[in-house]
Amino acid sequence: MDVIEIAGAHLLRDAADGWQLLDSVVSQDRTRLACIHGVGQSFRVARFLRGHMLPQWQGEWWLQQPEHSITDTEQQAHALAGEWLTLAAN
């Protein structure tokens, strides 16, 4: 299980399902993260909020939200990621 750091918070990157991380974008207030994954001709947008995990995990982490989206194009995935980040501004 790989741990990467994005915008000062940790993210578990689990590639067991075959999806590869292509891009990640963070909201201006640094509270929301959208990750775009790809496999074959499909793309998935995973959404995260910044927070804390159980006490054994030190520091801040990106906590995955239950909803995600599957798209046919990377352009659609970026549009969905932008919508998620816009919610932070409202």
N, C-alpha and C. Protein backbone atom coordinates (compact mmCIF):
# COMPACT_ATOMS: atom_id res chain seq x y z
N MET A 1 0.85 -1.17 0.00
CA MET A 1 0.00 0.00 0.00
C MET A 1 0.90 1.24 0.00
N ASP A 2 0.81 2.05 -1.02
CA ASP A 2 1.62 3.25 -1.12
C ASP A 2 0.92 4.43 -0.46
N VAL A 3 1.71 5.28 0.18
CA VAL A 3 1.21 6.53 0.74
C VAL A 3 1.90 7.65 0.00
N ILE A 4 1.12 8.59 -0.53
CA ILE A 4 1.69 9.75 -1.20
C ILE A 4 1.20 10.99 -0.47
N GLU A 5 1.89 12.10 -0.68
CA GLU A 5 1.49 13.35 -0.06
C GLU A 5 1.01 14.31 -1.14
N ILE A 6 -0.17 14.87 -0.90
CA ILE A 6 -0.74 15.85 -1.83
C ILE A 6 -1.18 17.05 -1.00
N ALA A 7 -0.64 18.21 -1.30
CA ALA A 7 -1.00 19.46 -0.62
C ALA A 7 -0.90 19.35 0.89
N GLY A 8 0.14 18.68 1.38
CA GLY A 8 0.38 18.61 2.81
C GLY A 8 -0.43 17.59 3.58
N ALA A 9 -1.18 16.74 2.89
CA ALA A 9 -1.94 15.69 3.56
C ALA A 9 -1.65 14.36 2.86
N HIS A 10 -1.75 13.28 3.59
CA HIS A 10 -1.42 11.95 3.08
C HIS A 10 -2.61 11.32 2.36
N LEU A 11 -2.30 10.50 1.38
CA LEU A 11 -3.32 9.78 0.63
C LEU A 11 -2.85 8.34 0.44
N LEU A 12 -3.72 7.40 0.79
CA LEU A 12 -3.42 6.00 0.51
C LEU A 12 -3.72 5.75 -0.96
N ARG A 13 -2.73 5.25 -1.67
CA ARG A 13 -2.93 4.96 -3.09
C ARG A 13 -2.91 3.45 -3.25
N ASP A 14 -4.09 2.90 -3.39
CA ASP A 14 -4.23 1.45 -3.50
C ASP A 14 -4.53 1.11 -4.95
N ALA A 15 -3.59 0.49 -5.61
CA ALA A 15 -3.76 0.17 -7.03
C ALA A 15 -4.18 -1.28 -7.25
N ALA A 16 -4.67 -1.93 -6.21
CA ALA A 16 -5.04 -3.34 -6.33
C ALA A 16 -6.14 -3.59 -7.35
N ASP A 17 -6.98 -2.58 -7.60
CA ASP A 17 -8.07 -2.76 -8.55
C ASP A 17 -7.68 -2.43 -10.00
N GLY A 18 -6.43 -2.05 -10.22
CA GLY A 18 -5.95 -1.81 -11.57
C GLY A 18 -6.06 -0.38 -12.07
N TRP A 19 -6.79 0.49 -11.35
CA TRP A 19 -6.92 1.89 -11.76
C TRP A 19 -5.63 2.62 -11.43
N GLN A 20 -5.14 3.43 -12.39
CA GLN A 20 -3.91 4.20 -12.20
C GLN A 20 -4.24 5.66 -11.96
N LEU A 21 -3.57 6.27 -10.99
CA LEU A 21 -3.75 7.69 -10.72
C LEU A 21 -3.14 8.49 -11.87
N LEU A 22 -3.97 9.30 -12.54
CA LEU A 22 -3.51 10.11 -13.66
C LEU A 22 -3.26 11.56 -13.27
N ASP A 23 -4.12 12.08 -12.37
CA ASP A 23 -4.04 13.49 -12.01
C ASP A 23 -4.74 13.69 -10.68
N SER A 24 -4.34 14.73 -9.97
CA SER A 24 -5.03 15.11 -8.74
C SER A 24 -5.09 16.63 -8.69
N VAL A 25 -6.22 17.16 -8.25
CA VAL A 25 -6.40 18.60 -8.14
C VAL A 25 -7.00 18.92 -6.77
N VAL A 26 -6.55 20.02 -6.19
CA VAL A 26 -6.95 20.42 -4.85
C VAL A 26 -7.68 21.76 -4.93
N SER A 27 -8.72 21.92 -4.10
CA SER A 27 -9.45 23.18 -4.07
C SER A 27 -8.54 24.30 -3.53
N GLN A 28 -8.91 25.55 -3.81
CA GLN A 28 -8.10 26.68 -3.37
C GLN A 28 -7.97 26.74 -1.86
N ASP A 29 -9.02 26.35 -1.14
CA ASP A 29 -8.93 26.37 0.33
C ASP A 29 -8.28 25.11 0.90
N ARG A 30 -7.86 24.21 0.02
CA ARG A 30 -7.12 22.99 0.37
C ARG A 30 -7.90 22.05 1.29
N THR A 31 -9.23 22.03 1.14
CA THR A 31 -10.07 21.12 1.93
C THR A 31 -10.63 19.98 1.10
N ARG A 32 -10.61 20.09 -0.23
CA ARG A 32 -11.15 19.07 -1.12
C ARG A 32 -10.11 18.65 -2.13
N LEU A 33 -10.16 17.38 -2.46
CA LEU A 33 -9.25 16.80 -3.44
C LEU A 33 -10.05 15.94 -4.39
N ALA A 34 -9.74 16.04 -5.66
CA ALA A 34 -10.33 15.15 -6.67
C ALA A 34 -9.17 14.43 -7.36
N CYS A 35 -9.26 13.12 -7.42
CA CYS A 35 -8.25 12.31 -8.10
C CYS A 35 -8.88 11.65 -9.32
N ILE A 36 -8.19 11.74 -10.43
CA ILE A 36 -8.65 11.12 -11.67
C ILE A 36 -7.81 9.88 -11.92
N HIS A 37 -8.48 8.75 -12.03
CA HIS A 37 -7.84 7.46 -12.28
C HIS A 37 -8.28 6.96 -13.65
N GLY A 38 -7.44 6.17 -14.28
CA GLY A 38 -7.79 5.59 -15.57
C GLY A 38 -7.42 4.13 -15.66
N VAL A 39 -8.22 3.41 -16.42
CA VAL A 39 -7.91 2.04 -16.78
C VAL A 39 -8.56 1.79 -18.14
N GLY A 40 -7.78 1.35 -19.10
CA GLY A 40 -8.32 1.16 -20.45
C GLY A 40 -8.89 2.46 -20.99
N GLN A 41 -10.15 2.42 -21.43
CA GLN A 41 -10.82 3.61 -21.96
C GLN A 41 -11.82 4.20 -20.97
N SER A 42 -11.67 3.89 -19.69
CA SER A 42 -12.57 4.41 -18.66
C SER A 42 -11.79 5.25 -17.66
N PHE A 43 -12.49 6.23 -17.10
CA PHE A 43 -11.89 7.14 -16.14
C PHE A 43 -12.80 7.23 -14.92
N ARG A 44 -12.18 7.38 -13.75
CA ARG A 44 -12.94 7.46 -12.50
C ARG A 44 -12.49 8.70 -11.74
N VAL A 45 -13.45 9.41 -11.17
CA VAL A 45 -13.14 10.55 -10.32
C VAL A 45 -13.46 10.15 -8.88
N ALA A 46 -12.44 10.18 -8.03
CA ALA A 46 -12.62 9.90 -6.61
C ALA A 46 -12.54 11.23 -5.87
N ARG A 47 -13.41 11.39 -4.88
CA ARG A 47 -13.51 12.66 -4.15
C ARG A 47 -13.06 12.45 -2.70
N PHE A 48 -12.33 13.44 -2.17
CA PHE A 48 -11.78 13.35 -0.83
C PHE A 48 -11.98 14.66 -0.08
N LEU A 49 -12.11 14.55 1.24
CA LEU A 49 -12.10 15.70 2.14
C LEU A 49 -10.88 15.57 3.05
N ARG A 50 -10.31 16.69 3.41
CA ARG A 50 -9.16 16.69 4.31
C ARG A 50 -9.63 16.43 5.74
N GLY A 51 -8.92 15.57 6.46
CA GLY A 51 -9.32 15.29 7.83
C GLY A 51 -8.29 14.46 8.56
N HIS A 52 -8.73 13.87 9.65
CA HIS A 52 -7.85 13.05 10.49
C HIS A 52 -8.40 11.64 10.56
N MET A 53 -7.50 10.67 10.59
CA MET A 53 -7.90 9.27 10.72
C MET A 53 -7.74 8.85 12.17
N LEU A 54 -7.93 7.60 12.44
CA LEU A 54 -7.79 7.07 13.80
C LEU A 54 -6.44 7.46 14.38
N PRO A 55 -6.35 7.49 15.70
CA PRO A 55 -5.11 8.00 16.34
C PRO A 55 -3.82 7.35 15.87
N GLN A 56 -3.85 6.11 15.41
CA GLN A 56 -2.60 5.48 15.00
C GLN A 56 -2.05 6.05 13.69
N TRP A 57 -2.85 6.82 12.96
CA TRP A 57 -2.40 7.44 11.72
C TRP A 57 -2.09 8.91 12.03
N GLN A 58 -0.83 9.27 12.03
CA GLN A 58 -0.41 10.62 12.39
C GLN A 58 -0.62 11.59 11.24
N GLY A 59 -0.91 12.85 11.57
CA GLY A 59 -1.01 13.90 10.57
C GLY A 59 -2.39 13.98 9.92
N GLU A 60 -2.46 14.80 8.87
CA GLU A 60 -3.70 14.97 8.12
C GLU A 60 -3.74 14.01 6.94
N TRP A 61 -4.95 13.55 6.62
CA TRP A 61 -5.15 12.58 5.55
C TRP A 61 -6.28 13.04 4.66
N TRP A 62 -6.29 12.57 3.43
CA TRP A 62 -7.42 12.75 2.52
C TRP A 62 -8.37 11.57 2.75
N LEU A 63 -9.59 11.87 3.17
CA LEU A 63 -10.57 10.84 3.47
C LEU A 63 -11.52 10.70 2.29
N GLN A 64 -11.57 9.52 1.70
CA GLN A 64 -12.38 9.31 0.50
C GLN A 64 -13.86 9.37 0.84
N GLN A 65 -14.60 10.06 -0.01
CA GLN A 65 -16.05 10.14 0.11
C GLN A 65 -16.66 8.97 -0.65
N PRO A 66 -17.85 8.52 -0.23
CA PRO A 66 -18.40 7.29 -0.83
C PRO A 66 -18.76 7.40 -2.31
N GLU A 67 -19.06 8.59 -2.78
CA GLU A 67 -19.47 8.70 -4.19
C GLU A 67 -18.25 8.84 -5.10
N HIS A 68 -18.34 8.25 -6.27
CA HIS A 68 -17.34 8.43 -7.31
C HIS A 68 -18.06 8.35 -8.65
N SER A 69 -17.40 8.80 -9.69
CA SER A 69 -18.01 8.86 -11.02
C SER A 69 -17.13 8.14 -12.02
N ILE A 70 -17.76 7.44 -12.94
CA ILE A 70 -17.07 6.79 -14.05
C ILE A 70 -17.44 7.54 -15.32
N THR A 71 -16.43 7.84 -16.15
CA THR A 71 -16.68 8.56 -17.40
C THR A 71 -15.99 7.85 -18.55
N ASP A 72 -16.34 8.28 -19.77
CA ASP A 72 -15.74 7.72 -20.98
C ASP A 72 -14.50 8.46 -21.44
N THR A 73 -14.36 9.73 -21.00
CA THR A 73 -13.22 10.52 -21.46
C THR A 73 -12.54 11.20 -20.27
N GLU A 74 -11.27 11.48 -20.45
CA GLU A 74 -10.53 12.19 -19.40
C GLU A 74 -11.05 13.62 -19.26
N GLN A 75 -11.52 14.20 -20.36
CA GLN A 75 -12.08 15.55 -20.31
C GLN A 75 -13.32 15.59 -19.42
N GLN A 76 -14.20 14.60 -19.54
CA GLN A 76 -15.37 14.53 -18.66
C GLN A 76 -14.95 14.37 -17.21
N ALA A 77 -13.93 13.57 -16.98
CA ALA A 77 -13.44 13.36 -15.61
C ALA A 77 -12.93 14.66 -15.02
N HIS A 78 -12.21 15.45 -15.80
CA HIS A 78 -11.71 16.74 -15.31
C HIS A 78 -12.87 17.70 -15.03
N ALA A 79 -13.92 17.66 -15.84
CA ALA A 79 -15.09 18.50 -15.59
C ALA A 79 -15.77 18.13 -14.28
N LEU A 80 -15.92 16.83 -14.01
CA LEU A 80 -16.51 16.38 -12.75
C LEU A 80 -15.63 16.75 -11.57
N ALA A 81 -14.33 16.65 -11.72
CA ALA A 81 -13.40 17.04 -10.66
C ALA A 81 -13.56 18.52 -10.36
N GLY A 82 -13.70 19.34 -11.40
CA GLY A 82 -13.89 20.78 -11.22
C GLY A 82 -15.17 21.10 -10.48
N GLU A 83 -16.24 20.36 -10.75
CA GLU A 83 -17.50 20.57 -10.04
C GLU A 83 -17.33 20.29 -8.55
N TRP A 84 -16.61 19.22 -8.22
CA TRP A 84 -16.37 18.87 -6.80
C TRP A 84 -15.58 19.97 -6.10
N LEU A 85 -14.57 20.50 -6.76
CA LEU A 85 -13.75 21.54 -6.16
C LEU A 85 -14.51 22.84 -6.01
N THR A 86 -15.44 23.12 -6.92
CA THR A 86 -16.25 24.33 -6.86
C THR A 86 -17.13 24.34 -5.61
N LEU A 87 -17.55 23.18 -5.15
CA LEU A 87 -18.38 23.11 -3.93
C LEU A 87 -17.66 23.71 -2.74
N ALA A 88 -16.34 23.65 -2.72
CA ALA A 88 -15.57 24.20 -1.61
C ALA A 88 -15.67 25.71 -1.57
N ALA A 89 -15.84 26.34 -2.73
CA ALA A 89 -15.90 27.79 -2.81
C ALA A 89 -17.25 28.35 -2.41
N ASN A 90 -18.27 27.51 -2.38
CA ASN A 90 -19.64 27.99 -2.06
C ASN A 90 -19.97 27.85 -0.61
